[in-house]
C-alpha cells in the first residue's frame, strides 16, 4: 500500500499528463500570452434580457444572449449560483469557458409573487475546465457586485459596475499566479504553513498582496476537507495564538524576507511544478497543481489513519507505517493531523507517539 502511495507522487505533480486537465488546455500557454477575457451584464425582467454592458465584440453578444435565454427558459440558472459551460461565440477563440450567474433583486412587498427580476452576469475566458477550478472565487466575486445593482438605471455603470466587471479575471483567477511570482522558491514555506495550520502574517505590504497570500493559504489548506473539521479549527486557533510560530513575510525587500520558516521534503518537491506553471502564465494549470498537492496530502493522510489502526494490533503494520512516514516526506504534518483527530483514542495516541519518536530519531541521525 505504501509503495504505491509513494510512487504516485510524481504522477500527482505531472498534471500535464493527467486527464483532469487536457493537453490542449495547456498548450495555449506554452508562451507568455495575455488571455482574452470578456464580461457581459444583462437586466433580466420577467422573461426578457436587456443588454446593460459588454466587452464582447458586437457580433458575439447576440449569440451569448441567445444562449443565456435558452438557459433561463430551462431553469438552468439559479439565483446566486454560478453555471459554467463552453460556448461558441464570434471571438478569436471561437469556443470559450463561460461563467453565468443570476443575481436576483429583492422582491417588492407590493408584488411578492412577481416573476424574478435581476441581473445576469457572464464572464468568458479560458476553458470550461479552467473556470470550474475557480468556481468559488467567481461566485464570491459576483456577490460583491450585489450592492452596486440596486436600480435598473445603473447610474453607477461607468464609475463602479464596469470597472468591477472588467477586473474579474485579475481578481478571481490570477491571485495564485501573483503569489507564486512573489515568493518564488520560498513557496514551500507557504505550503507547509497551509498544511500545518500555521498563521501567515504579511508585513510592509499593500492590502492586495495581503489578500492574495491569505487566499492562497486558504486554498492550499485542508481545513474544510477533513473528517474532523471542528478539531482542525481548534488546532488552527491554538497555532495562531502562539505568535512565535507564525510565518512572517516581510515585503519591504525584493524578494520578500521570510521569518520562522519551516518546511519539509513533501512541500519542497512541489515548488518547481508551481514555478513552471507560473512561468507559462497559466493560472488554470497553477490551480490544478494546487488541487493535486492537496489531493496527495489527503491520500497520504488517509493511508496513515488506516495504518495507525492496523498498528494497534500488528508490530509489522507499525514497521510499515514507519517506512511510509520516512518515505513520504510529509510525516511531521501527517502525524500532527493524526494526533489531532485521534486525541480521544488513547491506543491510537500511543502509536502516534511511537511514530513521532521514530521520525525525531531519524531526523537527528541525519543532522
Protein backbone atom coordinates (compact mmCIF):
# COMPACT_ATOMS: atom_id res chain seq x y z
CA UNK A 1 0.00 0.00 0.00
CA UNK A 2 2.69 2.46 0.97
CA UNK A 3 4.84 1.74 -2.05
CA UNK A 4 2.04 2.65 -4.44
CA UNK A 5 1.19 5.78 -2.46
CA UNK A 6 4.77 6.99 -2.54
CA UNK A 7 5.42 6.08 -6.15
CA UNK A 8 2.35 8.03 -7.27
CA UNK A 9 3.90 11.30 -6.09
CA UNK A 10 5.44 12.16 -9.46
CA UNK A 11 2.12 11.41 -11.14
CA UNK A 12 0.50 13.94 -8.82
CA UNK A 13 2.96 16.64 -9.86
CA UNK A 14 2.90 15.87 -13.59
CA UNK A 15 -0.55 17.33 -14.15
CA UNK A 16 0.19 17.83 -17.85
CA UNK A 17 -0.11 14.08 -18.36
CA UNK A 18 -3.36 13.74 -16.42
CA UNK A 19 -6.85 13.53 -17.85
CA UNK A 20 -8.22 16.17 -15.47
CA UNK A 21 -6.51 18.94 -17.44
CA UNK A 22 -6.31 18.27 -21.15
CA UNK A 23 -3.10 18.89 -23.04
CA UNK A 24 -4.86 21.26 -25.42
CA UNK A 25 -5.87 23.42 -22.45
CA UNK A 26 -2.21 23.74 -21.52
CA UNK A 27 -0.75 24.05 -25.00
CA UNK A 28 -2.13 27.55 -25.47
CA UNK A 29 0.05 28.72 -22.57
CA UNK A 30 3.40 27.48 -23.82
CA UNK A 31 4.31 31.08 -24.45
CA UNK A 32 3.64 34.13 -22.33
CA UNK A 33 0.41 35.49 -23.81
CA UNK A 34 -2.42 37.55 -22.38
CA UNK A 35 -5.65 35.63 -22.24
CA UNK A 36 -8.60 37.32 -23.89
CA UNK A 37 -11.37 37.62 -21.32
CA UNK A 38 -14.78 39.22 -21.60
CA UNK A 39 -17.76 40.17 -19.47
CA UNK A 40 -21.43 40.89 -20.11
CA UNK A 41 -24.24 42.05 -17.85
CA UNK A 42 -27.94 41.80 -18.71
CA UNK A 43 -31.00 43.17 -16.98
CA UNK A 44 -33.43 40.29 -16.51
CA UNK A 45 -37.11 41.24 -16.23
CA UNK A 46 -39.74 38.54 -16.38
CA UNK A 47 -38.59 36.56 -19.37
CA UNK A 48 -36.64 39.21 -21.28
CA UNK A 49 -32.96 40.06 -21.32
CA UNK A 50 -31.77 43.62 -21.89
CA UNK A 51 -28.11 44.31 -22.53
CA UNK A 52 -26.59 46.66 -19.97
CA UNK A 53 -22.90 46.44 -20.83
CA UNK A 54 -20.47 44.05 -22.53
CA UNK A 55 -16.85 43.83 -23.58
CA UNK A 56 -17.65 41.21 -26.23
CA UNK A 57 -17.31 42.02 -29.94
CA UNK A 58 -20.60 43.35 -31.32
CA UNK A 59 -21.26 40.22 -33.36
CA UNK A 60 -20.70 37.89 -30.39
CA UNK A 61 -23.04 39.49 -27.87
CA UNK A 62 -26.34 38.42 -29.56
CA UNK A 63 -25.00 34.86 -29.68
CA UNK A 64 -24.38 34.95 -25.94
CA UNK A 65 -27.80 36.47 -25.30
CA UNK A 66 -29.45 33.66 -27.23
CA UNK A 67 -27.53 31.11 -25.19
CA UNK A 68 -28.46 32.74 -21.87
CA UNK A 69 -32.12 32.96 -22.89
CA UNK A 70 -32.19 29.23 -23.55
CA UNK A 71 -30.59 28.52 -20.19
CA UNK A 72 -33.12 30.70 -18.40
CA UNK A 73 -36.07 29.12 -20.21
CA UNK A 74 -34.90 25.71 -18.99
CA UNK A 75 -34.47 26.93 -15.42
CA UNK A 76 -30.74 26.18 -15.60
CA UNK A 77 -29.68 29.42 -13.88
CA UNK A 78 -30.42 29.52 -10.17
CA UNK A 79 -30.16 32.74 -8.21
CA UNK A 80 -26.71 33.29 -6.74
CA UNK A 81 -25.25 30.03 -8.09
CA UNK A 82 -22.82 30.21 -11.00
CA UNK A 83 -23.16 27.94 -14.01
CA UNK A 84 -20.11 27.14 -16.15
CA UNK A 85 -20.18 25.76 -19.69
CA UNK A 86 -18.45 26.03 -23.05
CA UNK A 87 -19.98 28.49 -25.51
CA UNK A 88 -19.21 29.09 -29.16
CA UNK A 89 -19.07 32.77 -29.98
CA UNK A 90 -17.68 35.03 -32.70
CA UNK A 91 -14.46 35.68 -30.78
CA UNK A 92 -10.88 34.73 -31.74
CA UNK A 93 -11.02 31.63 -29.51
CA UNK A 94 -14.39 30.54 -31.02
CA UNK A 95 -15.14 28.29 -28.03
CA UNK A 96 -14.56 29.69 -24.53
CA UNK A 97 -15.47 28.89 -20.98
CA UNK A 98 -18.45 30.91 -19.81
CA UNK A 99 -19.45 31.55 -16.20
CA UNK A 100 -23.04 32.80 -15.78
CA UNK A 101 -24.80 33.84 -12.60
CA UNK A 102 -28.28 35.23 -11.97
CA UNK A 103 -28.37 37.88 -9.26
CA UNK A 104 -32.00 38.27 -8.25
CA UNK A 105 -33.23 41.54 -6.85
CA UNK A 106 -35.26 41.54 -3.66
CA UNK A 107 -38.95 41.20 -4.41
CA UNK A 108 -41.13 44.19 -3.65
CA UNK A 109 -43.63 43.74 -0.78
CA UNK A 110 -46.28 45.01 -3.20
CA UNK A 111 -45.51 42.22 -5.72
CA UNK A 112 -44.27 39.22 -3.74
CA UNK A 113 -45.28 36.77 -6.47
CA UNK A 114 -43.87 38.71 -9.42
CA UNK A 115 -41.56 36.97 -11.85
CA UNK A 116 -37.91 37.08 -10.83
CA UNK A 117 -36.09 40.26 -11.78
CA UNK A 118 -32.39 40.83 -11.54
CA UNK A 119 -29.17 40.76 -13.50
CA UNK A 120 -27.35 38.01 -15.34
CA UNK A 121 -23.56 38.33 -15.07
CA UNK A 122 -21.35 36.49 -17.55
CA UNK A 123 -17.57 36.05 -17.50
CA UNK A 124 -15.86 34.46 -20.51
CA UNK A 125 -12.27 33.32 -20.95
CA UNK A 126 -10.08 30.25 -20.96
CA UNK A 127 -11.80 26.88 -20.91
CA UNK A 128 -14.77 25.40 -19.08
CA UNK A 129 -12.43 23.15 -17.09
CA UNK A 130 -10.24 26.09 -16.19
CA UNK A 131 -13.10 28.26 -14.92
CA UNK A 132 -14.52 25.33 -12.95
CA UNK A 133 -11.35 25.36 -10.87
CA UNK A 134 -12.23 28.90 -9.73
CA UNK A 135 -15.98 28.47 -9.27
CA UNK A 136 -15.96 29.53 -5.61
CA UNK A 137 -13.88 32.63 -6.32
CA UNK A 138 -16.17 33.62 -9.19
CA UNK A 139 -19.31 33.13 -7.08
CA UNK A 140 -17.85 35.32 -4.36
CA UNK A 141 -16.77 37.98 -6.86
CA UNK A 142 -20.23 38.21 -8.41
CA UNK A 143 -21.83 38.52 -4.98
CA UNK A 144 -19.58 41.51 -4.36
CA UNK A 145 -21.44 43.31 -7.13
CA UNK A 146 -24.85 42.93 -5.49
CA UNK A 147 -24.79 46.23 -3.61
CA UNK A 148 -23.98 48.14 -6.81
CA UNK A 149 -27.04 46.79 -8.68
CA UNK A 150 -29.85 48.43 -6.77
CA UNK A 151 -31.61 50.31 -9.58
CA UNK A 152 -32.36 49.34 -13.21
CA UNK A 153 -30.93 52.68 -14.40
CA UNK A 154 -27.45 51.81 -13.11
CA UNK A 155 -26.24 55.38 -12.94
CA UNK A 156 -23.05 53.99 -11.44
CA UNK A 157 -22.32 51.87 -14.51
CA UNK A 158 -19.18 53.72 -15.58
CA UNK A 159 -17.89 54.54 -12.10
CA UNK A 160 -18.50 51.23 -10.29
CA UNK A 161 -20.07 48.41 -12.25
CA UNK A 162 -17.99 48.43 -15.44
CA UNK A 163 -14.60 48.74 -13.66
CA UNK A 164 -15.62 45.94 -11.29
CA UNK A 165 -16.68 43.62 -14.10
CA UNK A 166 -13.52 44.42 -16.06
CA UNK A 167 -11.34 43.16 -13.21
CA UNK A 168 -12.99 39.75 -12.81
CA UNK A 169 -10.09 37.77 -14.26
CA UNK A 170 -7.40 39.70 -12.42
CA UNK A 171 -9.20 39.47 -9.07
CA UNK A 172 -10.75 35.99 -9.21
CA UNK A 173 -8.22 33.93 -11.17
CA UNK A 174 -4.75 35.49 -11.06
CA UNK A 175 -4.11 35.62 -7.29
CA UNK A 176 -2.34 32.24 -7.14
CA UNK A 177 -0.09 33.29 -10.03
CA UNK A 178 0.78 36.56 -8.27
CA UNK A 179 1.70 34.77 -5.03
CA UNK A 180 3.95 32.25 -6.78
CA UNK A 181 5.75 35.07 -8.60
CA UNK A 182 6.09 37.00 -5.34
CA UNK A 183 7.63 34.28 -3.17
CA UNK A 184 9.32 32.14 -5.85
CA UNK A 185 11.42 29.37 -4.27
CA UNK A 186 10.16 30.23 -0.78
CA UNK A 187 6.74 28.88 -1.73
CA UNK A 188 7.43 25.70 0.24
CA UNK A 189 7.12 27.71 3.49
CA UNK A 190 3.63 28.83 2.49
CA UNK A 191 2.59 25.31 1.51
CA UNK A 192 3.85 23.93 4.80
CA UNK A 193 2.07 26.67 6.75
CA UNK A 194 -1.18 25.86 4.96
CA UNK A 195 -0.95 22.14 5.75
CA UNK A 196 0.17 22.74 9.34
CA UNK A 197 -2.41 25.41 10.27
CA UNK A 198 0.34 27.97 10.87
CA UNK A 199 -0.79 31.59 10.75
CA UNK A 200 0.86 33.64 8.00
CA UNK A 201 1.49 37.36 8.54
CA UNK A 202 2.37 39.68 5.66
CA UNK A 203 4.02 42.93 6.74
CA UNK A 204 5.16 46.07 4.92
CA UNK A 205 2.83 45.30 2.05
CA UNK A 206 -0.28 46.64 0.36
CA UNK A 207 -3.71 45.20 1.12
CA UNK A 208 -3.99 43.43 -2.23
CA UNK A 209 -0.84 41.39 -1.59
CA UNK A 210 -2.03 40.52 1.92
CA UNK A 211 -5.35 39.37 0.49
CA UNK A 212 -3.62 37.33 -2.23
CA UNK A 213 -1.45 35.49 0.30
CA UNK A 214 -4.41 34.85 2.60
CA UNK A 215 -6.45 33.41 -0.28
CA UNK A 216 -3.54 31.23 -1.38
CA UNK A 217 -3.05 29.78 2.10
CA UNK A 218 -6.78 29.12 2.43
CA UNK A 219 -6.87 27.42 -0.98
CA UNK A 220 -3.85 25.25 -0.09
CA UNK A 221 -5.08 24.21 3.36
CA UNK A 222 -7.07 21.10 4.13
CA UNK A 223 -9.44 22.84 6.51
CA UNK A 224 -12.99 22.06 5.48
CA UNK A 225 -11.94 18.78 3.84
CA UNK A 226 -11.01 16.77 6.90
CA UNK A 227 -13.40 14.48 8.70
CA UNK A 228 -12.75 16.33 11.94
CA UNK A 229 -13.28 19.95 10.91
CA UNK A 230 -14.13 21.18 14.41
CA UNK A 231 -10.94 19.64 15.78
CA UNK A 232 -8.96 21.13 12.92
CA UNK A 233 -10.44 24.55 13.64
CA UNK A 234 -9.35 24.20 17.29
CA UNK A 235 -5.83 23.35 16.16
CA UNK A 236 -5.76 26.41 13.88
CA UNK A 237 -6.81 28.61 16.80
CA UNK A 238 -4.19 27.11 19.10
CA UNK A 239 -1.45 27.53 16.49
CA UNK A 240 -2.41 31.14 15.76
CA UNK A 241 -2.30 32.04 19.46
CA UNK A 242 1.35 31.02 19.57
CA UNK A 243 2.76 34.02 17.70
CA UNK A 244 6.29 32.61 17.86
CA UNK A 245 5.27 30.02 15.28
CA UNK A 246 3.70 32.47 12.83
CA UNK A 247 5.28 32.62 9.39
CA UNK A 248 6.28 36.24 8.72
CA UNK A 249 6.61 37.55 5.16
CA UNK A 250 8.28 40.97 5.03
CA UNK A 251 7.64 42.63 1.68
CA UNK A 252 9.93 45.59 2.32
CA UNK A 253 12.60 43.70 0.38
CA UNK A 254 12.54 42.14 -3.06
CA UNK A 255 12.20 39.21 -2.95
CA UNK A 256 10.38 39.22 0.39
CA UNK A 257 12.15 38.12 3.57
CA UNK A 258 10.73 35.14 5.49
CA UNK A 259 10.95 34.57 9.25
CA UNK A 260 10.06 31.50 11.35
CA UNK A 261 10.34 29.30 8.29
CA UNK A 262 9.56 25.60 8.39
CA UNK A 263 9.18 23.19 5.50
CA UNK A 264 9.64 19.53 4.67
CA UNK A 265 10.61 17.42 1.70
CA UNK A 266 7.00 16.98 0.56
CA UNK A 267 6.41 20.74 0.23
CA UNK A 268 9.88 21.33 -1.24
CA UNK A 269 9.23 18.80 -4.00
CA UNK A 270 6.15 20.67 -5.25
CA UNK A 271 7.79 24.09 -5.65
CA UNK A 272 9.23 23.52 -9.13
CA UNK A 273 5.87 22.45 -10.52
CA UNK A 274 4.36 25.75 -9.33
CA UNK A 275 7.26 27.76 -10.74
CA UNK A 276 6.88 26.05 -14.12
CA UNK A 277 3.17 26.87 -14.18
CA UNK A 278 3.83 30.49 -13.24
CA UNK A 279 6.48 30.83 -15.97
CA UNK A 280 3.85 29.85 -18.53
CA UNK A 281 1.46 32.50 -17.16
CA UNK A 282 -1.09 29.71 -16.75
CA UNK A 283 -3.31 30.35 -13.69
CA UNK A 284 -5.54 27.37 -14.52
CA UNK A 285 -2.60 24.97 -14.51
CA UNK A 286 -1.41 26.50 -11.23
CA UNK A 287 -4.79 25.86 -9.63
CA UNK A 288 -4.77 22.27 -10.88
CA UNK A 289 -1.31 21.78 -9.38
CA UNK A 290 -2.57 23.20 -6.10
CA UNK A 291 -5.54 20.82 -6.10
CA UNK A 292 -3.25 17.87 -6.84
CA UNK A 293 -0.97 18.97 -3.99
CA UNK A 294 -3.91 18.84 -1.60
CA UNK A 295 -5.17 15.56 -3.03
CA UNK A 296 -1.81 13.88 -2.49
CA UNK A 297 -1.67 15.16 1.10
CA UNK A 298 -5.18 13.83 1.75
CA UNK A 299 -4.33 10.44 0.24
CA UNK A 300 -1.26 10.14 2.45
CA UNK A 301 -3.24 11.26 5.49
CA UNK A 302 -5.90 8.62 4.87
CA UNK A 303 -3.19 5.98 4.44
CA UNK A 304 -1.67 6.96 7.78
CA UNK A 305 -5.04 6.78 9.54
CA UNK A 306 -5.64 3.24 8.26
CA UNK A 307 -2.15 2.12 9.19
CA UNK A 308 -2.39 3.58 12.71
CA UNK A 309 -5.49 1.47 13.30
CA UNK A 310 -3.69 -1.60 11.95
CA UNK A 311 -0.58 -0.87 14.02
CA UNK A 312 -2.62 -1.17 17.21
CA UNK A 313 -2.81 -4.91 16.52
CA UNK A 314 0.31 -5.65 14.49
CA UNK A 315 4.00 -4.83 15.01
CA UNK A 316 4.59 -5.42 11.31
CA UNK A 317 1.94 -2.80 10.47
CA UNK A 318 3.77 -0.41 12.80
CA UNK A 319 7.02 -1.11 10.94
CA UNK A 320 5.32 -0.45 7.59
CA UNK A 321 3.90 2.75 8.99
CA UNK A 322 7.40 3.93 9.94
CA UNK A 323 8.61 3.14 6.44
CA UNK A 324 5.76 5.12 4.92
CA UNK A 325 6.38 8.18 7.08
CA UNK A 326 10.08 8.09 6.25
CA UNK A 327 9.42 7.90 2.53
CA UNK A 328 6.52 10.33 2.05
CA UNK A 329 8.45 13.43 3.16
CA UNK A 330 5.40 14.81 4.98
CA UNK A 331 5.48 12.72 8.14
CA UNK A 332 5.53 15.61 10.63
CA UNK A 333 2.41 17.20 9.14
CA UNK A 334 0.58 13.88 8.84
CA UNK A 335 1.31 12.95 12.43
CA UNK A 336 0.25 16.38 13.65
CA UNK A 337 -3.13 15.97 11.98
CA UNK A 338 -3.44 12.33 13.03
CA UNK A 339 -2.81 13.19 16.70
CA UNK A 340 -5.35 15.96 16.46
CA UNK A 341 -8.03 13.69 15.02
CA UNK A 342 -7.30 10.79 17.39
CA UNK A 343 -7.00 12.88 20.54
CA UNK A 344 -9.81 10.92 22.22
CA UNK A 345 -8.36 7.48 21.37
CA UNK A 346 -5.58 6.52 23.87
CA UNK A 347 -4.34 3.49 21.91
CA UNK A 348 -4.04 5.46 18.68
CA UNK A 349 -2.26 8.29 20.50
CA UNK A 350 0.29 5.85 21.91
CA UNK A 351 1.02 4.57 18.39
CA UNK A 352 1.39 8.15 17.13
CA UNK A 353 3.83 8.89 19.98
CA UNK A 354 5.99 5.95 18.88
CA UNK A 355 5.89 7.20 15.28
CA UNK A 356 6.81 10.73 16.35
CA UNK A 357 9.80 9.39 18.27
CA UNK A 358 10.83 7.39 15.22
CA UNK A 359 10.75 10.47 12.97
CA UNK A 360 12.63 12.50 15.58
CA UNK A 361 15.36 9.85 15.80
CA UNK A 362 15.61 9.72 12.03
CA UNK A 363 15.96 13.49 11.83
CA UNK A 364 18.67 13.56 14.49
CA UNK A 365 20.56 10.77 12.77
CA UNK A 366 20.68 12.82 9.55
CA UNK A 367 21.71 16.03 11.34
